[in-house]
């Protein structure tokens, strides 16, 4: 009996030892397949994006192909010391913040309606929301120029009631905000709608049945549950608006420059690649920092709302 048991144990060990390499080979095969499928996208990302960012970063420190000296911070000192660039940065942040607020105020009711179970015109509203994405950005901007430009009804009314110039809202920050809101509103709506799709409507009914007022249900139940979608929409709209070039350049005109247009002007118009690349790196750092701050705030809010289990 003992000999048979020992031989059985030896056979089991041999079988398990033989199975391990087979399982290891299977895992390696899966990883190789996954890496092979991802390799083209990773190579494209590393070459186009990371390679381009590396070139821009080196140029911002004066290490471009035509550099005659070592690394220097003179480009960054010029950016921080320029009153014009500081005004441009503040204008860009202001326009982006107002655009985010406008998209949130306009987009939340729309997302709430299209995710409502009794929405009768859901398909029509969804098509209306997505329609700006079906037209090129340049086409939409020129449509706003025709609407805001000299001789238009909007220009005549604003000049009559507010005493503005004949150009009306064209070449103003208000025109830039309206154009950006029109372009970026679908992203806010879709982000909030995706979050609301997982919302249990019975929670809202339960809160109302327990005596909560409609405003209390909205602020204390519905809004916190929609916070991930709101935060995602805010990050998308802010990142796209702070780096927007075409809409701000065409609707803002001269004197309403934003950071993206300032980068373009320094590199291609004034032939100052050092200042332009330094400003591009600072814009990237600023965008990432604001996004990380927003993500941290969202996680803190989720942690504060999570139920505590006492042991």
Protein backbone atom coordinates (compact mmCIF):
# COMPACT_ATOMS: atom_id res chain seq x y z
CA UNK A 1 0.00 0.00 0.00
CA UNK A 2 2.75 2.39 0.98
CA UNK A 3 4.65 1.64 -2.23
CA UNK A 4 1.56 2.22 -4.34
CA UNK A 5 0.87 5.49 -2.53
CA UNK A 6 4.45 6.63 -3.02
CA UNK A 7 4.33 5.80 -6.70
CA UNK A 8 1.01 7.64 -6.97
CA UNK A 9 2.48 10.73 -5.31
CA UNK A 10 5.47 10.62 -7.62
CA UNK A 11 3.17 10.36 -10.63
CA UNK A 12 1.11 13.32 -9.40
CA UNK A 13 4.23 15.41 -8.87
CA UNK A 14 5.47 14.51 -12.31
CA UNK A 15 2.12 15.39 -13.81
CA UNK A 16 2.00 18.77 -12.00
CA UNK A 17 5.60 19.49 -12.94
CA UNK A 18 4.74 18.76 -16.53
CA UNK A 19 1.61 20.92 -16.34
CA UNK A 20 3.43 23.99 -15.03
CA UNK A 21 5.54 24.61 -18.13
CA UNK A 22 2.48 24.04 -20.27
CA UNK A 23 0.47 26.63 -18.30
CA UNK A 24 3.42 29.01 -18.34
CA UNK A 25 3.75 28.63 -22.09
CA UNK A 26 0.02 29.35 -22.49
CA UNK A 27 0.33 32.55 -20.48
CA UNK A 28 3.38 33.61 -22.44
CA UNK A 29 1.52 32.92 -25.67
CA UNK A 30 -1.40 35.09 -24.55
CA UNK A 31 0.93 37.93 -23.57
CA UNK A 32 2.74 37.69 -26.92
CA UNK A 33 -0.58 37.82 -28.77
CA UNK A 34 -1.71 40.85 -26.74
CA UNK A 35 1.61 42.61 -27.25
CA UNK A 36 1.54 41.83 -30.96
CA UNK A 37 -1.92 43.38 -31.29
CA UNK A 38 -0.94 46.46 -29.29
CA UNK A 39 2.52 46.91 -30.82
CA UNK A 40 1.44 48.96 -33.88
CA UNK A 41 -0.61 51.38 -31.77
CA UNK A 42 2.15 51.65 -29.15
CA UNK A 43 4.76 52.26 -31.84
CA UNK A 44 2.64 54.95 -33.45
CA UNK A 45 2.00 56.58 -30.06
CA UNK A 46 5.68 56.48 -29.08
CA UNK A 47 6.83 57.81 -32.44
CA UNK A 48 4.28 60.51 -33.17
CA UNK A 49 3.24 61.74 -29.73
CA UNK A 50 6.12 60.97 -27.37
CA UNK A 51 8.71 61.65 -30.08
CA UNK A 52 7.08 64.97 -30.93
CA UNK A 53 6.82 65.94 -27.28
CA UNK A 54 10.49 65.07 -26.77
CA UNK A 55 11.50 67.33 -29.67
CA UNK A 56 9.33 70.16 -28.34
CA UNK A 57 10.72 69.72 -24.83
CA UNK A 58 14.32 69.83 -26.07
CA UNK A 59 13.61 72.89 -28.19
CA UNK A 60 12.09 74.69 -25.20
CA UNK A 61 15.43 74.31 -23.42
CA UNK A 62 17.39 75.52 -26.44
CA UNK A 63 18.52 72.04 -27.48
CA UNK A 64 17.11 71.97 -30.99
CA UNK A 65 19.02 70.85 -34.09
CA UNK A 66 20.25 74.42 -34.70
CA UNK A 67 21.27 75.05 -31.10
CA UNK A 68 24.65 76.68 -30.66
CA UNK A 69 24.92 76.42 -26.86
CA UNK A 70 23.85 74.14 -24.04
CA UNK A 71 20.57 73.88 -22.20
CA UNK A 72 19.11 77.16 -21.00
CA UNK A 73 16.00 78.43 -19.24
CA UNK A 74 15.91 81.73 -21.11
CA UNK A 75 12.78 80.73 -23.04
CA UNK A 76 10.86 80.00 -19.85
CA UNK A 77 12.08 83.24 -18.28
CA UNK A 78 10.78 85.15 -21.30
CA UNK A 79 7.40 83.44 -21.03
CA UNK A 80 7.01 84.22 -17.32
CA UNK A 81 8.28 87.79 -17.73
CA UNK A 82 6.05 88.71 -20.68
CA UNK A 83 2.98 90.68 -19.66
CA UNK A 84 1.38 89.91 -23.02
CA UNK A 85 1.70 86.15 -22.55
CA UNK A 86 0.36 86.40 -19.00
CA UNK A 87 -2.72 88.21 -20.33
CA UNK A 88 -3.15 85.54 -23.01
CA UNK A 89 -2.92 82.73 -20.44
CA UNK A 90 -5.47 84.39 -18.16
CA UNK A 91 -7.81 84.96 -21.11
CA UNK A 92 -7.48 81.31 -22.14
CA UNK A 93 -8.25 80.05 -18.63
CA UNK A 94 -11.20 82.43 -18.34
CA UNK A 95 -12.70 81.42 -21.68
CA UNK A 96 -12.19 77.71 -20.91
CA UNK A 97 -13.78 78.02 -17.46
CA UNK A 98 -16.81 79.89 -18.81
CA UNK A 99 -17.15 77.31 -21.60
CA UNK A 100 -17.12 74.47 -19.07
CA UNK A 101 -19.78 76.17 -16.96
CA UNK A 102 -21.94 76.89 -20.02
CA UNK A 103 -21.66 73.30 -21.26
CA UNK A 104 -22.51 71.96 -17.80
CA UNK A 105 -25.52 74.23 -17.33
CA UNK A 106 -26.86 73.49 -20.81
CA UNK A 107 -25.83 69.84 -20.98
CA UNK A 108 -27.07 68.46 -17.67
CA UNK A 109 -30.81 69.00 -18.38
CA UNK A 110 -30.38 67.49 -21.85
CA UNK A 111 -28.56 64.43 -20.48
CA UNK A 112 -31.21 64.12 -17.79
CA UNK A 113 -33.97 64.16 -20.39
CA UNK A 114 -32.48 61.66 -22.85
CA UNK A 115 -31.84 59.17 -20.01
CA UNK A 116 -35.32 59.58 -18.56
CA UNK A 117 -37.44 56.44 -19.02
CA UNK A 118 -40.46 58.45 -20.20
CA UNK A 119 -38.63 60.69 -22.73
CA UNK A 120 -40.81 60.79 -25.84
CA UNK A 121 -38.46 62.81 -28.05
CA UNK A 122 -35.23 61.06 -27.06
CA UNK A 123 -34.13 60.20 -30.61
CA UNK A 124 -34.76 63.71 -31.87
CA UNK A 125 -32.87 65.30 -28.97
CA UNK A 126 -29.93 62.89 -29.35
CA UNK A 127 -29.69 63.73 -33.06
CA UNK A 128 -29.82 67.44 -32.25
CA UNK A 129 -27.02 67.02 -29.69
CA UNK A 130 -24.83 65.00 -32.04
CA UNK A 131 -25.47 67.17 -35.10
CA UNK A 132 -22.53 69.55 -34.40
CA UNK A 133 -20.18 66.56 -34.56
CA UNK A 134 -21.41 65.74 -38.08
CA UNK A 135 -20.12 69.04 -39.47
CA UNK A 136 -16.47 70.03 -39.68
CA UNK A 137 -15.22 72.46 -37.06
CA UNK A 138 -14.25 75.02 -39.70
CA UNK A 139 -17.72 74.83 -41.27
CA UNK A 140 -19.36 75.43 -37.90
CA UNK A 141 -17.07 78.36 -37.16
CA UNK A 142 -17.84 80.03 -40.47
CA UNK A 143 -21.51 79.52 -39.72
CA UNK A 144 -21.05 81.47 -36.49
CA UNK A 145 -19.12 84.15 -38.40
CA UNK A 146 -22.04 84.54 -40.79
CA UNK A 147 -24.44 84.75 -37.85
CA UNK A 148 -22.34 87.17 -35.77
CA UNK A 149 -20.62 89.12 -38.53
CA UNK A 150 -21.29 92.63 -39.87
CA UNK A 151 -24.73 93.05 -41.39
CA UNK A 152 -26.24 90.11 -39.51
CA UNK A 153 -29.37 90.34 -37.38
CA UNK A 154 -27.37 89.59 -34.21
CA UNK A 155 -24.90 92.39 -34.97
CA UNK A 156 -27.75 94.84 -35.61
CA UNK A 157 -29.54 93.95 -32.36
CA UNK A 158 -26.43 94.08 -30.17
CA UNK A 159 -25.45 97.43 -31.71
CA UNK A 160 -28.99 98.78 -31.15
CA UNK A 161 -29.45 97.63 -27.55
CA UNK A 162 -25.87 97.62 -26.21
CA UNK A 163 -24.10 100.11 -28.44
CA UNK A 164 -21.52 97.60 -29.60
CA UNK A 165 -19.53 97.74 -32.80
CA UNK A 166 -21.02 96.79 -36.13
CA UNK A 167 -19.32 93.41 -35.84
CA UNK A 168 -21.66 92.44 -32.98
CA UNK A 169 -20.44 89.38 -31.11
CA UNK A 170 -17.76 88.64 -33.66
CA UNK A 171 -14.19 89.21 -32.41
CA UNK A 172 -15.28 89.13 -28.76
CA UNK A 173 -14.76 86.66 -25.94
CA UNK A 174 -18.50 86.09 -25.83
CA UNK A 175 -18.40 84.93 -29.45
CA UNK A 176 -15.52 82.57 -28.68
CA UNK A 177 -17.39 81.09 -25.70
CA UNK A 178 -20.55 80.59 -27.78
CA UNK A 179 -18.60 78.88 -30.54
CA UNK A 180 -16.71 76.61 -28.15
CA UNK A 181 -19.91 75.75 -26.28
CA UNK A 182 -21.60 74.74 -29.50
CA UNK A 183 -18.69 72.51 -30.48
CA UNK A 184 -18.02 70.92 -27.07
CA UNK A 185 -21.55 70.58 -25.66
CA UNK A 186 -22.03 67.04 -27.09
CA UNK A 187 -19.05 65.76 -25.09
CA UNK A 188 -20.56 67.03 -21.85
CA UNK A 189 -23.99 65.60 -22.66
CA UNK A 190 -22.64 62.18 -23.63
CA UNK A 191 -20.42 61.95 -20.53
CA UNK A 192 -23.25 62.79 -18.14
CA UNK A 193 -25.71 60.56 -20.02
CA UNK A 194 -23.31 57.61 -19.77
CA UNK A 195 -23.15 58.12 -16.00
CA UNK A 196 -26.90 58.54 -15.65
CA UNK A 197 -27.52 55.33 -17.62
CA UNK A 198 -26.45 53.39 -14.51
CA UNK A 199 -28.50 55.53 -12.12
CA UNK A 200 -31.22 53.65 -10.24
CA UNK A 201 -34.32 55.86 -10.47
CA UNK A 202 -35.81 54.07 -7.46
CA UNK A 203 -33.27 55.85 -5.25
CA UNK A 204 -34.72 59.21 -6.25
CA UNK A 205 -38.27 57.96 -5.65
CA UNK A 206 -37.26 56.54 -2.27
CA UNK A 207 -35.74 59.85 -1.21
CA UNK A 208 -38.89 61.71 -2.29
CA UNK A 209 -41.14 59.21 -0.49
CA UNK A 210 -39.17 59.77 2.72
CA UNK A 211 -40.04 63.46 2.66
CA UNK A 212 -37.14 65.02 0.74
CA UNK A 213 -38.02 68.08 -1.31
CA UNK A 214 -37.25 68.06 -5.06
CA UNK A 215 -34.28 70.37 -4.50
CA UNK A 216 -32.96 68.13 -1.72
CA UNK A 217 -33.33 65.05 -3.93
CA UNK A 218 -31.39 66.81 -6.67
CA UNK A 219 -28.56 68.22 -4.55
CA UNK A 220 -28.15 65.39 -2.05
CA UNK A 221 -28.97 62.28 -4.10
CA UNK A 222 -29.03 62.83 -7.85
CA UNK A 223 -26.07 65.20 -8.23
CA UNK A 224 -23.61 63.13 -6.13
CA UNK A 225 -24.55 59.98 -8.05
CA UNK A 226 -23.89 61.79 -11.33
CA UNK A 227 -20.55 63.22 -10.17
CA UNK A 228 -18.35 60.80 -12.18
CA UNK A 229 -20.08 61.75 -15.43
CA UNK A 230 -19.98 65.45 -14.58
CA UNK A 231 -16.30 65.27 -13.70
CA UNK A 232 -15.52 63.38 -16.91
CA UNK A 233 -17.41 65.92 -19.00
CA UNK A 234 -15.69 68.83 -17.28
CA UNK A 235 -12.25 67.34 -17.93
CA UNK A 236 -13.00 66.64 -21.59
CA UNK A 237 -14.50 70.06 -22.28
CA UNK A 238 -11.75 71.90 -20.40
CA UNK A 239 -8.91 70.02 -22.10
CA UNK A 240 -10.41 70.60 -25.55
CA UNK A 241 -11.23 74.26 -24.95
CA UNK A 242 -7.90 75.24 -23.42
CA UNK A 243 -6.05 73.82 -26.44
CA UNK A 244 -8.52 74.98 -29.11
CA UNK A 245 -7.02 76.93 -31.98
CA UNK A 246 -9.37 77.33 -34.95
CA UNK A 247 -12.49 78.52 -33.14
CA UNK A 248 -10.66 81.02 -30.96
CA UNK A 249 -8.58 82.34 -33.84
CA UNK A 250 -11.51 82.84 -36.24
CA UNK A 251 -14.13 84.08 -33.78
CA UNK A 252 -11.78 85.96 -31.45
CA UNK A 253 -9.71 87.73 -34.04
CA UNK A 254 -6.82 90.05 -33.26
CA UNK A 255 -6.59 91.12 -29.64
CA UNK A 256 -8.42 88.02 -28.37
CA UNK A 257 -5.52 85.60 -28.72
CA UNK A 258 -5.45 82.36 -26.75
CA UNK A 259 -2.48 80.20 -25.83
CA UNK A 260 -2.81 77.87 -28.83
CA UNK A 261 -2.80 80.82 -31.24
CA UNK A 262 0.13 82.40 -29.39
CA UNK A 263 2.11 79.18 -29.82
CA UNK A 264 1.28 79.15 -33.53
CA UNK A 265 2.30 82.80 -33.91
CA UNK A 266 5.60 82.41 -32.12
CA UNK A 267 6.67 79.33 -34.05
CA UNK A 268 5.36 80.00 -37.57
CA UNK A 269 4.86 83.76 -37.77
CA UNK A 270 7.51 85.37 -35.56
CA UNK A 271 10.02 82.49 -35.95
CA UNK A 272 10.64 82.22 -32.22
CA UNK A 273 10.45 78.46 -31.68
CA UNK A 274 12.01 78.66 -28.23
CA UNK A 275 9.25 80.83 -26.80
CA UNK A 276 6.53 78.88 -28.60
CA UNK A 277 7.76 75.47 -27.46
CA UNK A 278 8.24 76.68 -23.87
CA UNK A 279 4.67 77.97 -23.89
CA UNK A 280 3.47 74.63 -25.31
CA UNK A 281 5.19 72.71 -22.51
CA UNK A 282 3.74 75.04 -19.88
CA UNK A 283 0.27 74.63 -21.40
CA UNK A 284 0.64 70.85 -21.20
CA UNK A 285 1.82 70.99 -17.59
CA UNK A 286 -1.00 73.35 -16.64
CA UNK A 287 -3.63 71.16 -18.29
CA UNK A 288 -2.35 67.98 -16.66
CA UNK A 289 -2.12 69.67 -13.24
CA UNK A 290 -5.69 70.95 -13.42
CA UNK A 291 -6.95 67.55 -14.56
CA UNK A 292 -5.11 65.76 -11.76
CA UNK A 293 -6.55 68.24 -9.25
CA UNK A 294 -10.06 67.61 -10.57
CA UNK A 295 -9.57 63.83 -10.37
CA UNK A 296 -8.27 64.16 -6.81
CA UNK A 297 -11.27 66.28 -5.83
CA UNK A 298 -13.61 63.71 -7.38
CA UNK A 299 -11.97 60.84 -5.49
CA UNK A 300 -12.11 62.78 -2.24
CA UNK A 301 -15.80 63.44 -2.81
CA UNK A 302 -16.43 59.74 -3.48
CA UNK A 303 -14.51 58.78 -0.36
CA UNK A 304 -16.51 61.21 1.78
CA UNK A 305 -19.80 59.89 0.40
CA UNK A 306 -18.90 56.22 0.79
CA UNK A 307 -20.69 54.55 3.71
CA UNK A 308 -18.58 53.75 6.73
CA UNK A 309 -18.87 50.29 8.22
CA UNK A 310 -18.28 50.21 11.95
CA UNK A 311 -16.60 47.12 13.35
